[in-house]
Amino acid sequence: MTFYTYGYLTTHHNTWQYARIGLLIALLVVFIGLFVHYLRNRWNVKYKDLSIITGVLLLLVLGLQINSLVSLQSATKQSGEISATVQQAAKHLKVSPSSLSINSTSVSDNLLIKSSQGYYRLDYNTDGSAFILEKVTLENPKIKLVKE
């Protein structure tokens, strides 16, 4: 079972996002350079073909980037919700949030919280506005802790 620390939930960033932005900027610079070179030398058609190919790649990466940004926004919202849940549970258990770990990065049923005091199960009410902490005992726990 995998548990995520509070620090991981609050600082987890997608590094591929930055690589895609860098690739997008590099393709844009190459596209502009090739297109300008084609406009200067209209007799050389290979620069026109290369600029079209680069433009198509640029549009493809841009589409992937937009799709990734939508996914990242959804994941950030879910991570914010679970971080708030960990903060509320820490307040209820009278410990700091950094000492807690949770078994999911999004709010769902059957959430478990690992604390220095033991393991707790979170049961949400039907509309998800409140929860109950119930102390549980895990049989043969095989815990993997994911930190920052």
C-alpha atoms as a PDB file:
ATOM      1  CA  MET A   1       0.000   0.000   0.000  1.00  0.00           C
ATOM      2  CA  THR A   2       1.388   3.401  -0.933  1.00  0.00           C
ATOM      3  CA  PHE A   3       1.105   6.389   1.387  1.00  0.00           C
ATOM      4  CA  TYR A   4       1.882   9.970   0.342  1.00  0.00           C
ATOM      5  CA  THR A   5       3.248  12.519   2.792  1.00  0.00           C
ATOM      6  CA  TYR A   6       1.682  15.940   3.219  1.00  0.00           C
ATOM      7  CA  GLY A   7       4.860  17.510   1.818  1.00  0.00           C
ATOM      8  CA  TYR A   8       4.537  15.415  -1.338  1.00  0.00           C
ATOM      9  CA  LEU A   9       0.912  16.456  -1.803  1.00  0.00           C
ATOM     10  CA  THR A  10       1.707  20.158  -1.478  1.00  0.00           C
ATOM     11  CA  THR A  11       4.929  20.299  -3.515  1.00  0.00           C
ATOM     12  CA  HIS A  12       4.400  17.637  -6.185  1.00  0.00           C
ATOM     13  CA  HIS A  13       4.941  19.237  -9.599  1.00  0.00           C
ATOM     14  CA  ASN A  14       4.934  17.776 -13.049  1.00  0.00           C
ATOM     15  CA  THR A  15       8.446  18.340 -14.449  1.00  0.00           C
ATOM     16  CA  TRP A  16       7.376  17.204 -17.920  1.00  0.00           C
ATOM     17  CA  GLN A  17       5.271  20.342 -18.082  1.00  0.00           C
ATOM     18  CA  TYR A  18       8.411  22.490 -18.153  1.00  0.00           C
ATOM     19  CA  ALA A  19      10.068  20.257 -20.763  1.00  0.00           C
ATOM     20  CA  ARG A  20       7.046  20.591 -23.045  1.00  0.00           C
ATOM     21  CA  ILE A  21       7.041  24.359 -22.684  1.00  0.00           C
ATOM     22  CA  GLY A  22      10.745  24.394 -23.563  1.00  0.00           C
ATOM     23  CA  LEU A  23      10.109  22.203 -26.611  1.00  0.00           C
ATOM     24  CA  LEU A  24       7.240  24.464 -27.664  1.00  0.00           C
ATOM     25  CA  ILE A  25       9.424  27.571 -27.451  1.00  0.00           C
ATOM     26  CA  ALA A  26      12.288  25.877 -29.334  1.00  0.00           C
ATOM     27  CA  LEU A  27       9.932  24.766 -32.128  1.00  0.00           C
ATOM     28  CA  LEU A  28       8.484  28.261 -32.342  1.00  0.00           C
ATOM     29  CA  VAL A  29      11.963  29.788 -32.712  1.00  0.00           C
ATOM     30  CA  VAL A  30      12.939  27.230 -35.384  1.00  0.00           C
ATOM     31  CA  PHE A  31       9.645  27.813 -37.224  1.00  0.00           C
ATOM     32  CA  ILE A  32      10.105  31.588 -37.239  1.00  0.00           C
ATOM     33  CA  GLY A  33      13.737  31.238 -38.337  1.00  0.00           C
ATOM     34  CA  LEU A  34      12.901  28.901 -41.210  1.00  0.00           C
ATOM     35  CA  PHE A  35       9.943  30.995 -42.316  1.00  0.00           C
ATOM     36  CA  VAL A  36      12.003  34.199 -42.327  1.00  0.00           C
ATOM     37  CA  HIS A  37      14.777  32.422 -44.253  1.00  0.00           C
ATOM     38  CA  TYR A  38      12.192  31.225 -46.784  1.00  0.00           C
ATOM     39  CA  LEU A  39      10.810  34.756 -47.217  1.00  0.00           C
ATOM     40  CA  ARG A  40      14.325  36.072 -47.906  1.00  0.00           C
ATOM     41  CA  ASN A  41      15.131  33.311 -50.431  1.00  0.00           C
ATOM     42  CA  ARG A  42      11.898  32.534 -52.243  1.00  0.00           C
ATOM     43  CA  TRP A  43      13.735  30.448 -54.853  1.00  0.00           C
ATOM     44  CA  ASN A  44      14.793  27.871 -52.263  1.00  0.00           C
ATOM     45  CA  VAL A  45      11.686  25.753 -51.638  1.00  0.00           C
ATOM     46  CA  LYS A  46      13.273  23.445 -49.062  1.00  0.00           C
ATOM     47  CA  TYR A  47      12.935  26.152 -46.372  1.00  0.00           C
ATOM     48  CA  LYS A  48       9.230  26.398 -47.143  1.00  0.00           C
ATOM     49  CA  ASP A  49       8.846  22.619 -46.680  1.00  0.00           C
ATOM     50  CA  LEU A  50      10.898  22.655 -43.494  1.00  0.00           C
ATOM     51  CA  SER A  51       8.861  25.533 -42.083  1.00  0.00           C
ATOM     52  CA  ILE A  52       5.607  23.668 -42.870  1.00  0.00           C
ATOM     53  CA  ILE A  53       6.904  20.521 -41.144  1.00  0.00           C
ATOM     54  CA  THR A  54       8.034  22.558 -38.140  1.00  0.00           C
ATOM     55  CA  GLY A  55       4.690  24.354 -38.054  1.00  0.00           C
ATOM     56  CA  VAL A  56       2.822  21.044 -37.984  1.00  0.00           C
ATOM     57  CA  LEU A  57       5.070  19.787 -35.167  1.00  0.00           C
ATOM     58  CA  LEU A  58       4.475  23.055 -33.344  1.00  0.00           C
ATOM     59  CA  LEU A  59       0.699  22.600 -33.586  1.00  0.00           C
ATOM     60  CA  LEU A  60       0.985  18.984 -32.412  1.00  0.00           C
ATOM     61  CA  VAL A  61       3.052  19.912 -29.350  1.00  0.00           C
ATOM     62  CA  LEU A  62       0.717  22.834 -28.649  1.00  0.00           C
ATOM     63  CA  GLY A  63      -2.280  20.478 -28.677  1.00  0.00           C
ATOM     64  CA  LEU A  64      -0.503  18.082 -26.316  1.00  0.00           C
ATOM     65  CA  GLN A  65       0.415  20.993 -24.062  1.00  0.00           C
ATOM     66  CA  ILE A  66      -3.183  22.215 -23.860  1.00  0.00           C
ATOM     67  CA  ASN A  67      -4.381  18.689 -23.062  1.00  0.00           C
ATOM     68  CA  SER A  68      -1.690  18.364 -20.399  1.00  0.00           C
ATOM     69  CA  LEU A  69      -2.587  21.724 -18.867  1.00  0.00           C
ATOM     70  CA  VAL A  70      -6.216  20.638 -18.498  1.00  0.00           C
ATOM     71  CA  SER A  71      -5.102  17.396 -16.823  1.00  0.00           C
ATOM     72  CA  LEU A  72      -2.672  19.283 -14.578  1.00  0.00           C
ATOM     73  CA  GLN A  73      -5.404  21.713 -13.538  1.00  0.00           C
ATOM     74  CA  SER A  74      -7.670  18.811 -12.570  1.00  0.00           C
ATOM     75  CA  ALA A  75      -4.873  17.070 -10.653  1.00  0.00           C
ATOM     76  CA  THR A  76      -3.986  20.308  -8.850  1.00  0.00           C
ATOM     77  CA  LYS A  77      -7.593  20.766  -7.792  1.00  0.00           C
ATOM     78  CA  GLN A  78      -7.782  17.198  -6.482  1.00  0.00           C
ATOM     79  CA  SER A  79      -4.447  17.582  -4.699  1.00  0.00           C
ATOM     80  CA  GLY A  80      -5.718  20.761  -3.049  1.00  0.00           C
ATOM     81  CA  GLU A  81      -8.830  18.941  -1.864  1.00  0.00           C
ATOM     82  CA  ILE A  82      -6.839  16.070  -0.355  1.00  0.00           C
ATOM     83  CA  SER A  83      -4.394  18.528   1.250  1.00  0.00           C
ATOM     84  CA  ALA A  84      -7.319  20.281   2.937  1.00  0.00           C
ATOM     85  CA  THR A  85      -8.585  16.906   4.141  1.00  0.00           C
ATOM     86  CA  VAL A  86      -5.177  16.092   5.640  1.00  0.00           C
ATOM     87  CA  GLN A  87      -5.122  19.497   7.354  1.00  0.00           C
ATOM     88  CA  GLN A  88      -8.562  18.895   8.873  1.00  0.00           C
ATOM     89  CA  ALA A  89      -7.580  15.393  10.003  1.00  0.00           C
ATOM     90  CA  ALA A  90      -4.382  16.756  11.573  1.00  0.00           C
ATOM     91  CA  LYS A  91      -6.418  19.356  13.431  1.00  0.00           C
ATOM     92  CA  HIS A  92      -8.777  16.653  14.687  1.00  0.00           C
ATOM     93  CA  LEU A  93      -5.863  14.377  15.761  1.00  0.00           C
ATOM     94  CA  LYS A  94      -3.984  17.364  17.265  1.00  0.00           C
ATOM     95  CA  VAL A  95      -0.815  16.754  15.241  1.00  0.00           C
ATOM     96  CA  SER A  96       0.927  18.711  12.507  1.00  0.00           C
ATOM     97  CA  PRO A  97      -0.103  17.936   8.903  1.00  0.00           C
ATOM     98  CA  SER A  98       3.511  17.123   8.006  1.00  0.00           C
ATOM     99  CA  SER A  99       3.404  14.105  10.343  1.00  0.00           C
ATOM    100  CA  LEU A 100       0.499  12.519   8.436  1.00  0.00           C
ATOM    101  CA  SER A 101       0.470  10.408   5.287  1.00  0.00           C
ATOM    102  CA  ILE A 102      -2.525   9.405   3.178  1.00  0.00           C
ATOM    103  CA  ASN A 103      -3.019   6.515   0.739  1.00  0.00           C
ATOM    104  CA  SER A 104      -4.387   8.525  -2.205  1.00  0.00           C
ATOM    105  CA  THR A 105      -3.663  11.756  -4.027  1.00  0.00           C
ATOM    106  CA  SER A 106      -7.360  12.460  -4.634  1.00  0.00           C
ATOM    107  CA  VAL A 107     -10.462  12.430  -2.489  1.00  0.00           C
ATOM    108  CA  SER A 108     -12.156   9.041  -2.739  1.00  0.00           C
ATOM    109  CA  ASP A 109     -13.779   6.334  -0.628  1.00  0.00           C
ATOM    110  CA  ASN A 110     -11.713   4.193   1.743  1.00  0.00           C
ATOM    111  CA  LEU A 111      -9.004   6.714   2.484  1.00  0.00           C
ATOM    112  CA  LEU A 112      -6.465   5.685   5.103  1.00  0.00           C
ATOM    113  CA  ILE A 113      -4.323   8.072   7.121  1.00  0.00           C
ATOM    114  CA  LYS A 114      -1.038   6.994   8.665  1.00  0.00           C
ATOM    115  CA  SER A 115      -0.120   8.831  11.825  1.00  0.00           C
ATOM    116  CA  SER A 116       2.362   8.314  14.637  1.00  0.00           C
ATOM    117  CA  GLN A 117      -0.682   7.314  16.708  1.00  0.00           C
ATOM    118  CA  GLY A 118      -1.710   4.578  14.248  1.00  0.00           C
ATOM    119  CA  TYR A 119      -3.843   4.180  11.148  1.00  0.00           C
ATOM    120  CA  TYR A 120      -7.178   5.907  10.625  1.00  0.00           C
ATOM    121  CA  ARG A 121      -9.919   5.423   8.057  1.00  0.00           C
ATOM    122  CA  LEU A 122     -11.830   8.427   6.739  1.00  0.00           C
ATOM    123  CA  ASP A 123     -15.541   7.915   6.166  1.00  0.00           C
ATOM    124  CA  TYR A 124     -17.254  10.760   4.317  1.00  0.00           C
ATOM    125  CA  ASN A 125     -20.928  11.567   4.679  1.00  0.00           C
ATOM    126  CA  THR A 126     -23.173  11.267   1.626  1.00  0.00           C
ATOM    127  CA  ASP A 127     -22.559  14.771   0.282  1.00  0.00           C
ATOM    128  CA  GLY A 128     -18.813  14.733   1.078  1.00  0.00           C
ATOM    129  CA  SER A 129     -18.903  17.825   3.277  1.00  0.00           C
ATOM    130  CA  ALA A 130     -17.673  16.112   6.466  1.00  0.00           C
ATOM    131  CA  PHE A 131     -15.887  12.970   7.530  1.00  0.00           C
ATOM    132  CA  ILE A 132     -15.395  10.690  10.506  1.00  0.00           C
ATOM    133  CA  LEU A 133     -11.999   9.379  11.583  1.00  0.00           C
ATOM    134  CA  GLU A 134     -12.040   5.796  12.761  1.00  0.00           C
ATOM    135  CA  LYS A 135      -8.947   4.072  14.174  1.00  0.00           C
ATOM    136  CA  VAL A 136      -8.181   0.805  12.381  1.00  0.00           C
ATOM    137  CA  THR A 137      -5.595  -1.948  12.658  1.00  0.00           C
ATOM    138  CA  LEU A 138      -3.961  -3.150   9.454  1.00  0.00           C
ATOM    139  CA  GLU A 139      -3.120  -6.835   9.104  1.00  0.00           C
ATOM    140  CA  ASN A 140       0.331  -7.377   7.558  1.00  0.00           C
ATOM    141  CA  PRO A 141       0.797  -3.801   6.349  1.00  0.00           C
ATOM    142  CA  LYS A 142       3.273  -3.471   3.498  1.00  0.00           C
ATOM    143  CA  ILE A 143       3.691   0.278   3.403  1.00  0.00           C
ATOM    144  CA  LYS A 144       5.561   2.259   0.763  1.00  0.00           C
ATOM    145  CA  LEU A 145       5.986   5.898   1.763  1.00  0.00           C
ATOM    146  CA  VAL A 146       6.294   8.478  -1.047  1.00  0.00           C
ATOM    147  CA  LYS A 147       7.997  11.650   0.190  1.00  0.00           C
ATOM    148  CA  GLU A 148       8.734  15.010  -1.435  1.00  0.00           C
END
